[in-house]
Amino acid sequence: MLGGPVRQRGAWRRRARSGHPGAAAGAERLHRRPGVARSVLRFEGEMFETLRRDIRAVFERDPAARSLPEVLFCYPGLHAVWFHRLAHWCWNHRLKFLGRFLSHINRFFTGIEIHPGARLGPGLFIDHGMGVVIGETAEVGENVTIYQGVTLGGTSLEKVKRHPTIGNNVVIGSGAKVLGPFTVGENSRIGSGSVVVKEVPPNSVVVGVPGRITHRDGRKVEQKIDLNMTDLPDPVARTLQSLAERVEELERMIEELRRLLPAAPLAGAGERSRHQAGELEGIVRRASQD
């Protein structure tokens, strides 16, 4: 069904090269045909360039890639992206069930779940890939790198934009979660295991749970004082903690002094010994009163 317009265009091209009269007009009419035929022709031209960029991305970003056959047959991340591109075309041309079915097959064979409605730019590289989830309204820019366990998830049950938009040249580390309808600026890096729930400016590095910006435009970001009253330290709790520590210290002193005191004055002890014992008893009493 889809090959008919493509074959017709090829025939018109051959006729044009051979000087057939009316070949140019025939090719133009075919190009202007509405509906599926026209979209197939446009899809054919864009598809091969996108596939080439996907392959090139593997060689550029994975030093383990040795040959073209190895990349074509042994990289599930590449297979998942190509499966999705076909499913996405079906989704956009009212073939919703077929798109979802292809997405289901994709997940079965690669362990990567990409909703057919998600928009993926050329040059996307999913490395290792197992456990990657990309939601319906997610948008991924060009030359993005995604590692295993990443989730581009939504935070709403409404049928609106609810998944993130990832800018060009972004790297998302393994296990990171990017949740919500915001933008991750181009050239940014998301650290492994991070949970990002708010906008990320371009050229930033985000780490932690929740994600915080540690570097921007190559410079370390100083953490400013947060005046949010719910996050300020409790002065009463700190005072009580200090008092408890002081009590423990005094109790240790008392026990040490008691060990130094004799159980009873020795018979025949001199006046000096009794005086020292009295001083020690006074120290113990004062410590007990404190």
C-alpha atoms as a PDB file:
ATOM      1  CA  MET A   1       0.000   0.000   0.000  1.00  0.00           C
ATOM      2  CA  LEU A   2       2.759   2.396   0.955  1.00  0.00           C
ATOM      3  CA  GLY A   3       5.113   1.336  -1.794  1.00  0.00           C
ATOM      4  CA  GLY A   4       2.849   2.382  -4.694  1.00  0.00           C
ATOM      5  CA  PRO A   5       3.514   6.144  -4.578  1.00  0.00           C
ATOM      6  CA  VAL A   6       7.202   5.528  -4.024  1.00  0.00           C
ATOM      7  CA  ARG A   7       7.417   3.278  -7.089  1.00  0.00           C
ATOM      8  CA  GLN A   8       5.481   5.828  -9.142  1.00  0.00           C
ATOM      9  CA  ARG A   9       7.852   8.582  -8.172  1.00  0.00           C
ATOM     10  CA  GLY A  10      10.816   6.407  -9.118  1.00  0.00           C
ATOM     11  CA  ALA A  11       9.233   5.748 -12.523  1.00  0.00           C
ATOM     12  CA  TRP A  12       8.712   9.472 -13.150  1.00  0.00           C
ATOM     13  CA  ARG A  13      12.342  10.132 -12.189  1.00  0.00           C
ATOM     14  CA  ARG A  14      13.601   7.550 -14.677  1.00  0.00           C
ATOM     15  CA  ARG A  15      11.421   9.050 -17.386  1.00  0.00           C
ATOM     16  CA  ALA A  16      12.706  12.525 -16.600  1.00  0.00           C
ATOM     17  CA  ARG A  17      16.318  11.354 -16.902  1.00  0.00           C
ATOM     18  CA  SER A  18      15.541   9.762 -20.277  1.00  0.00           C
ATOM     19  CA  GLY A  19      13.947  12.970 -21.575  1.00  0.00           C
ATOM     20  CA  HIS A  20      10.369  11.667 -21.601  1.00  0.00           C
ATOM     21  CA  PRO A  21       7.924  14.510 -22.383  1.00  0.00           C
ATOM     22  CA  GLY A  22       5.708  15.464 -19.467  1.00  0.00           C
ATOM     23  CA  ALA A  23       7.851  13.642 -16.917  1.00  0.00           C
ATOM     24  CA  ALA A  24       8.480  16.766 -14.851  1.00  0.00           C
ATOM     25  CA  ALA A  25       4.777  17.619 -14.784  1.00  0.00           C
ATOM     26  CA  GLY A  26       3.900  14.069 -13.766  1.00  0.00           C
ATOM     27  CA  ALA A  27       6.378  14.120 -10.908  1.00  0.00           C
ATOM     28  CA  GLU A  28       5.005  17.473  -9.758  1.00  0.00           C
ATOM     29  CA  ARG A  29       1.419  16.162  -9.814  1.00  0.00           C
ATOM     30  CA  LEU A  30       2.466  13.139  -7.809  1.00  0.00           C
ATOM     31  CA  HIS A  31       4.242  15.344  -5.285  1.00  0.00           C
ATOM     32  CA  ARG A  32       1.085  17.403  -4.819  1.00  0.00           C
ATOM     33  CA  ARG A  33      -1.207  14.433  -4.303  1.00  0.00           C
ATOM     34  CA  PRO A  34      -2.988  14.806  -0.945  1.00  0.00           C
ATOM     35  CA  GLY A  35      -3.372  12.233   1.792  1.00  0.00           C
ATOM     36  CA  VAL A  36      -1.238   9.239   2.533  1.00  0.00           C
ATOM     37  CA  ALA A  37       0.602   9.205  -0.794  1.00  0.00           C
ATOM     38  CA  ARG A  38       2.103  12.641  -0.301  1.00  0.00           C
ATOM     39  CA  SER A  39       3.039  11.946   3.309  1.00  0.00           C
ATOM     40  CA  VAL A  40       4.723   8.685   2.275  1.00  0.00           C
ATOM     41  CA  LEU A  41       6.912  10.537  -0.206  1.00  0.00           C
ATOM     42  CA  ARG A  42       7.905  13.103   2.380  1.00  0.00           C
ATOM     43  CA  PHE A  43       8.475  10.377   4.960  1.00  0.00           C
ATOM     44  CA  GLU A  44      10.757   8.479   2.591  1.00  0.00           C
ATOM     45  CA  GLY A  45      13.062  11.428   2.075  1.00  0.00           C
ATOM     46  CA  GLU A  46      13.326  12.363   5.739  1.00  0.00           C
ATOM     47  CA  MET A  47      13.483   8.809   7.019  1.00  0.00           C
ATOM     48  CA  PHE A  48      16.770   7.737   5.465  1.00  0.00           C
ATOM     49  CA  GLU A  49      18.591  10.869   6.586  1.00  0.00           C
ATOM     50  CA  THR A  50      17.275  10.371  10.121  1.00  0.00           C
ATOM     51  CA  LEU A  51      18.323   6.709  10.132  1.00  0.00           C
ATOM     52  CA  ARG A  52      21.817   7.665   8.990  1.00  0.00           C
ATOM     53  CA  ARG A  53      22.092  10.167  11.825  1.00  0.00           C
ATOM     54  CA  ASP A  54      20.920   7.542  14.314  1.00  0.00           C
ATOM     55  CA  ILE A  55      23.669   5.170  13.166  1.00  0.00           C
ATOM     56  CA  ARG A  56      26.270   7.929  13.229  1.00  0.00           C
ATOM     57  CA  ALA A  57      25.275   8.768  16.818  1.00  0.00           C
ATOM     58  CA  VAL A  58      26.141   5.233  17.948  1.00  0.00           C
ATOM     59  CA  PHE A  59      29.648   5.407  16.474  1.00  0.00           C
ATOM     60  CA  GLU A  60      30.259   8.890  17.868  1.00  0.00           C
ATOM     61  CA  ARG A  61      29.126   8.161  21.440  1.00  0.00           C
ATOM     62  CA  ASP A  62      29.973   4.521  22.077  1.00  0.00           C
ATOM     63  CA  PRO A  63      33.653   3.529  21.793  1.00  0.00           C
ATOM     64  CA  ALA A  64      32.571  -0.135  21.910  1.00  0.00           C
ATOM     65  CA  ALA A  65      30.942   0.149  18.457  1.00  0.00           C
ATOM     66  CA  ARG A  66      33.330  -1.524  16.016  1.00  0.00           C
ATOM     67  CA  SER A  67      31.476  -2.111  12.773  1.00  0.00           C
ATOM     68  CA  LEU A  68      28.268  -1.307  10.940  1.00  0.00           C
ATOM     69  CA  PRO A  69      26.883  -4.892  11.138  1.00  0.00           C
ATOM     70  CA  GLU A  70      27.486  -4.896  14.891  1.00  0.00           C
ATOM     71  CA  VAL A  71      25.585  -1.626  15.299  1.00  0.00           C
ATOM     72  CA  LEU A  72      22.714  -2.712  13.051  1.00  0.00           C
ATOM     73  CA  PHE A  73      22.157  -6.093  14.687  1.00  0.00           C
ATOM     74  CA  CYS A  74      23.427  -5.792  18.271  1.00  0.00           C
ATOM     75  CA  TYR A  75      22.217  -2.421  19.584  1.00  0.00           C
ATOM     76  CA  PRO A  76      18.701  -2.639  21.085  1.00  0.00           C
ATOM     77  CA  GLY A  77      18.702   1.113  21.689  1.00  0.00           C
ATOM     78  CA  LEU A  78      18.987   1.705  17.952  1.00  0.00           C
ATOM     79  CA  HIS A  79      16.297  -0.897  17.245  1.00  0.00           C
ATOM     80  CA  ALA A  80      13.973   0.798  19.749  1.00  0.00           C
ATOM     81  CA  VAL A  81      14.428   4.205  18.122  1.00  0.00           C
ATOM     82  CA  TRP A  82      13.753   2.814  14.644  1.00  0.00           C
ATOM     83  CA  PHE A  83      10.708   0.868  15.803  1.00  0.00           C
ATOM     84  CA  HIS A  84       9.417   4.055  17.374  1.00  0.00           C
ATOM     85  CA  ARG A  85       9.909   6.126  14.237  1.00  0.00           C
ATOM     86  CA  LEU A  86       7.660   3.735  12.333  1.00  0.00           C
ATOM     87  CA  ALA A  87       5.120   3.615  15.178  1.00  0.00           C
ATOM     88  CA  HIS A  88       5.145   7.416  15.405  1.00  0.00           C
ATOM     89  CA  TRP A  89       4.392   7.721  11.675  1.00  0.00           C
ATOM     90  CA  CYS A  90       1.432   5.368  12.085  1.00  0.00           C
ATOM     91  CA  TRP A  91       0.233   7.314  15.126  1.00  0.00           C
ATOM     92  CA  ASN A  92       0.269  10.595  13.197  1.00  0.00           C
ATOM     93  CA  HIS A  93      -1.654   9.114  10.250  1.00  0.00           C
ATOM     94  CA  ARG A  94      -4.705   7.833  12.132  1.00  0.00           C
ATOM     95  CA  LEU A  95      -3.299   4.346  12.545  1.00  0.00           C
ATOM     96  CA  LYS A  96      -3.412   4.569  16.323  1.00  0.00           C
ATOM     97  CA  PHE A  97      -3.832   0.874  17.052  1.00  0.00           C
ATOM     98  CA  LEU A  98      -1.017  -0.104  14.696  1.00  0.00           C
ATOM     99  CA  GLY A  99       1.222   2.481  16.319  1.00  0.00           C
ATOM    100  CA  ARG A 100       0.479   1.136  19.794  1.00  0.00           C
ATOM    101  CA  PHE A 101       0.954  -2.438  18.614  1.00  0.00           C
ATOM    102  CA  LEU A 102       4.369  -1.621  17.141  1.00  0.00           C
ATOM    103  CA  SER A 103       5.280   0.110  20.394  1.00  0.00           C
ATOM    104  CA  HIS A 104       4.261  -3.022  22.300  1.00  0.00           C
ATOM    105  CA  ILE A 105       6.443  -5.198  20.068  1.00  0.00           C
ATOM    106  CA  ASN A 106       9.265  -2.711  20.545  1.00  0.00           C
ATOM    107  CA  ARG A 107       9.063  -3.043  24.319  1.00  0.00           C
ATOM    108  CA  PHE A 108       8.896  -6.848  24.115  1.00  0.00           C
ATOM    109  CA  PHE A 109      12.104  -7.143  22.077  1.00  0.00           C
ATOM    110  CA  THR A 110      14.181  -4.275  23.500  1.00  0.00           C
ATOM    111  CA  GLY A 111      12.928  -3.621  27.039  1.00  0.00           C
ATOM    112  CA  ILE A 112      12.437   0.036  26.085  1.00  0.00           C
ATOM    113  CA  GLU A 113       8.967   1.578  26.264  1.00  0.00           C
ATOM    114  CA  ILE A 114       8.337   4.587  24.027  1.00  0.00           C
ATOM    115  CA  HIS A 115       4.796   5.805  23.470  1.00  0.00           C
ATOM    116  CA  PRO A 116       4.130   6.239  19.729  1.00  0.00           C
ATOM    117  CA  GLY A 117       2.996   9.807  20.384  1.00  0.00           C
ATOM    118  CA  ALA A 118       6.410  10.879  21.697  1.00  0.00           C
ATOM    119  CA  ARG A 119       8.526  13.017  19.374  1.00  0.00           C
ATOM    120  CA  LEU A 120      12.174  11.970  19.051  1.00  0.00           C
ATOM    121  CA  GLY A 121      14.700  14.065  17.165  1.00  0.00           C
ATOM    122  CA  PRO A 122      17.430  12.655  14.915  1.00  0.00           C
ATOM    123  CA  GLY A 123      20.674  11.464  16.416  1.00  0.00           C
ATOM    124  CA  LEU A 124      19.079  10.054  19.578  1.00  0.00           C
ATOM    125  CA  PHE A 125      21.274   7.407  21.213  1.00  0.00           C
ATOM    126  CA  ILE A 126      19.802   5.123  23.892  1.00  0.00           C
ATOM    127  CA  ASP A 127      22.772   3.308  25.416  1.00  0.00           C
ATOM    128  CA  HIS A 128      22.091  -0.100  27.025  1.00  0.00           C
ATOM    129  CA  GLY A 129      18.461   1.005  27.228  1.00  0.00           C
ATOM    130  CA  MET A 130      16.797  -1.553  29.470  1.00  0.00           C
ATOM    131  CA  GLY A 131      14.033   0.069  31.499  1.00  0.00           C
ATOM    132  CA  VAL A 132      13.863   3.359  29.595  1.00  0.00           C
ATOM    133  CA  VAL A 133      10.332   4.851  29.561  1.00  0.00           C
ATOM    134  CA  ILE A 134       9.321   7.829  27.389  1.00  0.00           C
ATOM    135  CA  GLY A 135       5.766   9.142  27.735  1.00  0.00           C
ATOM    136  CA  GLU A 136       3.223  10.222  25.150  1.00  0.00           C
ATOM    137  CA  THR A 137       3.759  13.998  25.164  1.00  0.00           C
ATOM    138  CA  ALA A 138       7.527  13.891  25.661  1.00  0.00           C
ATOM    139  CA  GLU A 139       9.683  15.718  23.115  1.00  0.00           C
ATOM    140  CA  VAL A 140      13.349  14.871  22.644  1.00  0.00           C
ATOM    141  CA  GLY A 141      15.663  17.121  20.638  1.00  0.00           C
ATOM    142  CA  GLU A 142      18.593  16.308  18.394  1.00  0.00           C
ATOM    143  CA  ASN A 143      21.719  14.396  19.443  1.00  0.00           C
ATOM    144  CA  VAL A 144      20.368  13.449  22.869  1.00  0.00           C
ATOM    145  CA  THR A 145      21.941  10.596  24.851  1.00  0.00           C
ATOM    146  CA  ILE A 146      19.820   8.530  27.250  1.00  0.00           C
ATOM    147  CA  TYR A 147      21.154   5.735  29.463  1.00  0.00           C
ATOM    148  CA  GLN A 148      19.390   2.736  30.991  1.00  0.00           C
ATOM    149  CA  GLY A 149      16.572   3.170  33.476  1.00  0.00           C
ATOM    150  CA  VAL A 150      15.688   6.739  32.501  1.00  0.00           C
ATOM    151  CA  THR A 151      12.055   7.860  32.790  1.00  0.00           C
ATOM    152  CA  LEU A 152      10.599  10.850  30.964  1.00  0.00           C
ATOM    153  CA  GLY A 153       7.320  10.794  32.855  1.00  0.00           C
ATOM    154  CA  GLY A 154       4.206  12.854  33.404  1.00  0.00           C
ATOM    155  CA  THR A 155       2.684  14.380  36.520  1.00  0.00           C
ATOM    156  CA  SER A 156      -0.925  14.878  35.430  1.00  0.00           C
ATOM    157  CA  LEU A 157      -3.941  12.742  34.572  1.00  0.00           C
ATOM    158  CA  GLU A 158      -5.317  15.366  32.183  1.00  0.00           C
ATOM    159  CA  LYS A 159      -5.032  14.919  28.422  1.00  0.00           C
ATOM    160  CA  VAL A 160      -2.589  17.810  28.102  1.00  0.00           C
ATOM    161  CA  LYS A 161       1.149  18.275  27.745  1.00  0.00           C
ATOM    162  CA  ARG A 162       2.384  16.404  30.818  1.00  0.00           C
ATOM    163  CA  HIS A 163       5.844  15.090  29.895  1.00  0.00           C
ATOM    164  CA  PRO A 164       9.167  16.938  29.615  1.00  0.00           C
ATOM    165  CA  THR A 165      10.755  18.571  26.590  1.00  0.00           C
ATOM    166  CA  ILE A 166      14.442  17.680  26.251  1.00  0.00           C
ATOM    167  CA  GLY A 167      16.645  20.154  24.380  1.00  0.00           C
ATOM    168  CA  ASN A 168      19.402  19.374  21.898  1.00  0.00           C
ATOM    169  CA  ASN A 169      22.649  17.695  23.010  1.00  0.00           C
ATOM    170  CA  VAL A 170      21.342  16.730  26.460  1.00  0.00           C
ATOM    171  CA  VAL A 171      22.795  13.729  28.325  1.00  0.00           C
ATOM    172  CA  ILE A 172      20.562  11.941  30.865  1.00  0.00           C
ATOM    173  CA  GLY A 173      22.388   9.541  33.183  1.00  0.00           C
ATOM    174  CA  SER A 174      21.241   6.065  34.139  1.00  0.00           C
ATOM    175  CA  GLY A 175      18.248   5.843  36.457  1.00  0.00           C
ATOM    176  CA  ALA A 176      17.389   9.545  36.235  1.00  0.00           C
ATOM    177  CA  LYS A 177      13.728  10.596  36.380  1.00  0.00           C
ATOM    178  CA  VAL A 178      12.541  13.728  34.606  1.00  0.00           C
ATOM    179  CA  LEU A 179       8.923  14.298  35.603  1.00  0.00           C
ATOM    180  CA  GLY A 180       6.594  17.029  34.404  1.00  0.00           C
ATOM    181  CA  PRO A 181       5.788  19.332  31.466  1.00  0.00           C
ATOM    182  CA  PHE A 182       8.879  21.541  31.610  1.00  0.00           C
ATOM    183  CA  THR A 183      11.980  22.026  29.476  1.00  0.00           C
ATOM    184  CA  VAL A 184      15.490  20.738  30.021  1.00  0.00           C
ATOM    185  CA  GLY A 185      17.694  23.276  28.255  1.00  0.00           C
ATOM    186  CA  GLU A 186      20.098  22.280  25.511  1.00  0.00           C
ATOM    187  CA  ASN A 187      23.626  21.069  26.321  1.00  0.00           C
ATOM    188  CA  SER A 188      22.584  20.147  29.872  1.00  0.00           C
ATOM    189  CA  ARG A 189      23.601  17.064  31.861  1.00  0.00           C
ATOM    190  CA  ILE A 190      21.345  15.124  34.240  1.00  0.00           C
ATOM    191  CA  GLY A 191      23.276  13.031  36.764  1.00  0.00           C
ATOM    192  CA  SER A 192      22.587   9.348  37.345  1.00  0.00           C
ATOM    193  CA  GLY A 193      19.768   8.702  39.797  1.00  0.00           C
ATOM    194  CA  SER A 194      18.605  12.324  39.835  1.00  0.00           C
ATOM    195  CA  VAL A 195      14.931  13.259  40.089  1.00  0.00           C
ATOM    196  CA  VAL A 196      14.238  16.444  38.123  1.00  0.00           C
ATOM    197  CA  VAL A 197      10.864  18.108  38.688  1.00  0.00           C
ATOM    198  CA  LYS A 198      11.409  21.678  37.503  1.00  0.00           C
ATOM    199  CA  GLU A 199      12.858  23.698  34.615  1.00  0.00           C
ATOM    200  CA  VAL A 200      16.542  23.288  33.807  1.00  0.00           C
ATOM    201  CA  PRO A 201      18.340  26.212  32.096  1.00  0.00           C
ATOM    202  CA  PRO A 202      20.609  25.529  29.105  1.00  0.00           C
ATOM    203  CA  ASN A 203      24.216  24.454  29.727  1.00  0.00           C
ATOM    204  CA  SER A 204      23.492  23.185  33.247  1.00  0.00           C
ATOM    205  CA  VAL A 205      24.486  20.180  35.345  1.00  0.00           C
ATOM    206  CA  VAL A 206      21.773  18.738  37.601  1.00  0.00           C
ATOM    207  CA  VAL A 207      22.300  16.118  40.327  1.00  0.00           C
ATOM    208  CA  GLY A 208      20.525  14.821  43.404  1.00  0.00           C
ATOM    209  CA  VAL A 209      17.030  14.123  44.723  1.00  0.00           C
ATOM    210  CA  PRO A 210      15.340  16.433  44.113  1.00  0.00           C
ATOM    211  CA  GLY A 211      17.572  17.615  41.305  1.00  0.00           C
ATOM    212  CA  ARG A 212      19.568  20.776  41.945  1.00  0.00           C
ATOM    213  CA  ILE A 213      21.774  22.749  39.582  1.00  0.00           C
ATOM    214  CA  THR A 214      25.453  22.449  40.533  1.00  0.00           C
ATOM    215  CA  HIS A 215      27.036  24.008  37.434  1.00  0.00           C
ATOM    216  CA  ARG A 216      25.814  26.435  34.801  1.00  0.00           C
ATOM    217  CA  ASP A 217      27.716  27.663  31.756  1.00  0.00           C
ATOM    218  CA  GLY A 218      30.773  25.835  33.066  1.00  0.00           C
ATOM    219  CA  ARG A 219      30.761  27.576  36.461  1.00  0.00           C
ATOM    220  CA  LYS A 220      29.886  26.166  39.851  1.00  0.00           C
ATOM    221  CA  VAL A 221      26.595  27.462  41.207  1.00  0.00           C
ATOM    222  CA  GLU A 222      26.760  28.802  44.765  1.00  0.00           C
ATOM    223  CA  GLN A 223      23.903  27.604  46.926  1.00  0.00           C
ATOM    224  CA  LYS A 224      22.009  30.626  48.260  1.00  0.00           C
ATOM    225  CA  ILE A 225      20.401  30.762  51.710  1.00  0.00           C
ATOM    226  CA  ASP A 226      16.850  29.511  51.574  1.00  0.00           C
ATOM    227  CA  LEU A 227      14.455  31.548  53.730  1.00  0.00           C
ATOM    228  CA  ASN A 228      11.670  29.018  53.508  1.00  0.00           C
ATOM    229  CA  MET A 229      10.473  28.815  57.125  1.00  0.00           C
ATOM    230  CA  THR A 230       9.549  25.149  56.836  1.00  0.00           C
ATOM    231  CA  ASP A 231      13.175  24.255  56.080  1.00  0.00           C
ATOM    232  CA  LEU A 232      14.894  26.448  58.710  1.00  0.00           C
ATOM    233  CA  PRO A 233      16.527  24.687  61.705  1.00  0.00           C
ATOM    234  CA  ASP A 234      14.494  24.550  64.944  1.00  0.00           C
ATOM    235  CA  PRO A 235      16.280  26.670  67.623  1.00  0.00           C
ATOM    236  CA  VAL A 236      14.378  24.994  70.483  1.00  0.00           C
ATOM    237  CA  ALA A 237      15.421  21.546  69.299  1.00  0.00           C
ATOM    238  CA  ARG A 238      19.029  22.696  69.005  1.00  0.00           C
ATOM    239  CA  THR A 239      18.976  24.112  72.574  1.00  0.00           C
ATOM    240  CA  LEU A 240      17.545  20.898  74.000  1.00  0.00           C
ATOM    241  CA  GLN A 241      20.175  18.903  72.162  1.00  0.00           C
ATOM    242  CA  SER A 242      22.944  21.089  73.634  1.00  0.00           C
ATOM    243  CA  LEU A 243      21.529  20.677  77.147  1.00  0.00           C
ATOM    244  CA  ALA A 244      21.361  16.913  76.772  1.00  0.00           C
ATOM    245  CA  GLU A 245      24.985  16.808  75.645  1.00  0.00           C
ATOM    246  CA  ARG A 246      26.029  18.966  78.643  1.00  0.00           C
ATOM    247  CA  VAL A 247      24.219  16.682  81.092  1.00  0.00           C
ATOM    248  CA  GLU A 248      25.999  13.653  79.666  1.00  0.00           C
ATOM    249  CA  GLU A 249      29.339  15.413  80.009  1.00  0.00           C
ATOM    250  CA  LEU A 250      28.697  16.318  83.669  1.00  0.00           C
ATOM    251  CA  GLU A 251      27.606  12.791  84.491  1.00  0.00           C
ATOM    252  CA  ARG A 252      30.852  11.458  83.089  1.00  0.00           C
ATOM    253  CA  MET A 253      32.823  13.922  85.227  1.00  0.00           C
ATOM    254  CA  ILE A 254      30.950  12.885  88.377  1.00  0.00           C
ATOM    255  CA  GLU A 255      31.611   9.201  87.770  1.00  0.00           C
ATOM    256  CA  GLU A 256      35.300   9.893  87.212  1.00  0.00           C
ATOM    257  CA  LEU A 257      35.601  11.881  90.425  1.00  0.00           C
ATOM    258  CA  ARG A 258      33.787   9.238  92.435  1.00  0.00           C
ATOM    259  CA  ARG A 259      36.290   6.664  91.314  1.00  0.00           C
ATOM    260  CA  LEU A 260      39.085   8.908  92.575  1.00  0.00           C
ATOM    261  CA  LEU A 261      37.537   9.311  96.052  1.00  0.00           C
ATOM    262  CA  PRO A 262      38.410   6.642  98.637  1.00  0.00           C
ATOM    263  CA  ALA A 263      35.520   4.648 100.003  1.00  0.00           C
ATOM    264  CA  ALA A 264      36.392   5.808 103.537  1.00  0.00           C
ATOM    265  CA  PRO A 265      39.199   7.859 105.149  1.00  0.00           C
ATOM    266  CA  LEU A 266      42.199   5.676 105.853  1.00  0.00           C
ATOM    267  CA  ALA A 267      43.165   5.168 109.476  1.00  0.00           C
ATOM    268  CA  GLY A 268      45.974   7.463 110.459  1.00  0.00           C
ATOM    269  CA  ALA A 269      45.657   9.593 107.332  1.00  0.00           C
ATOM    270  CA  GLY A 270      47.251  12.943 107.715  1.00  0.00           C
ATOM    271  CA  GLU A 271      45.590  16.298 107.765  1.00  0.00           C
ATOM    272  CA  ARG A 272      46.637  16.919 104.171  1.00  0.00           C
ATOM    273  CA  SER A 273      44.933  13.767 102.873  1.00  0.00           C
ATOM    274  CA  ARG A 274      41.691  14.677 104.635  1.00  0.00           C
ATOM    275  CA  HIS A 275      41.894  18.175 103.162  1.00  0.00           C
ATOM    276  CA  GLN A 276      42.289  16.791  99.622  1.00  0.00           C
ATOM    277  CA  ALA A 277      39.364  14.452 100.138  1.00  0.00           C
ATOM    278  CA  GLY A 278      37.245  17.411 101.271  1.00  0.00           C
ATOM    279  CA  GLU A 279      38.158  19.344  98.134  1.00  0.00           C
ATOM    280  CA  LEU A 280      37.170  16.421  95.929  1.00  0.00           C
ATOM    281  CA  GLU A 281      33.838  16.112  97.715  1.00  0.00           C
ATOM    282  CA  GLY A 282      33.226  19.818  97.150  1.00  0.00           C
ATOM    283  CA  ILE A 283      33.931  19.428  93.434  1.00  0.00           C
ATOM    284  CA  VAL A 284      31.489  16.536  93.233  1.00  0.00           C
ATOM    285  CA  ARG A 285      28.776  18.536  94.998  1.00  0.00           C
ATOM    286  CA  ARG A 286      29.244  21.541  92.715  1.00  0.00           C
ATOM    287  CA  ALA A 287      29.159  19.339  89.622  1.00  0.00           C
ATOM    288  CA  SER A 288      25.970  17.712  90.883  1.00  0.00           C
ATOM    289  CA  GLN A 289      24.361  21.112  91.449  1.00  0.00           C
ATOM    290  CA  ASP A 290      25.298  22.248  87.900  1.00  0.00           C
END
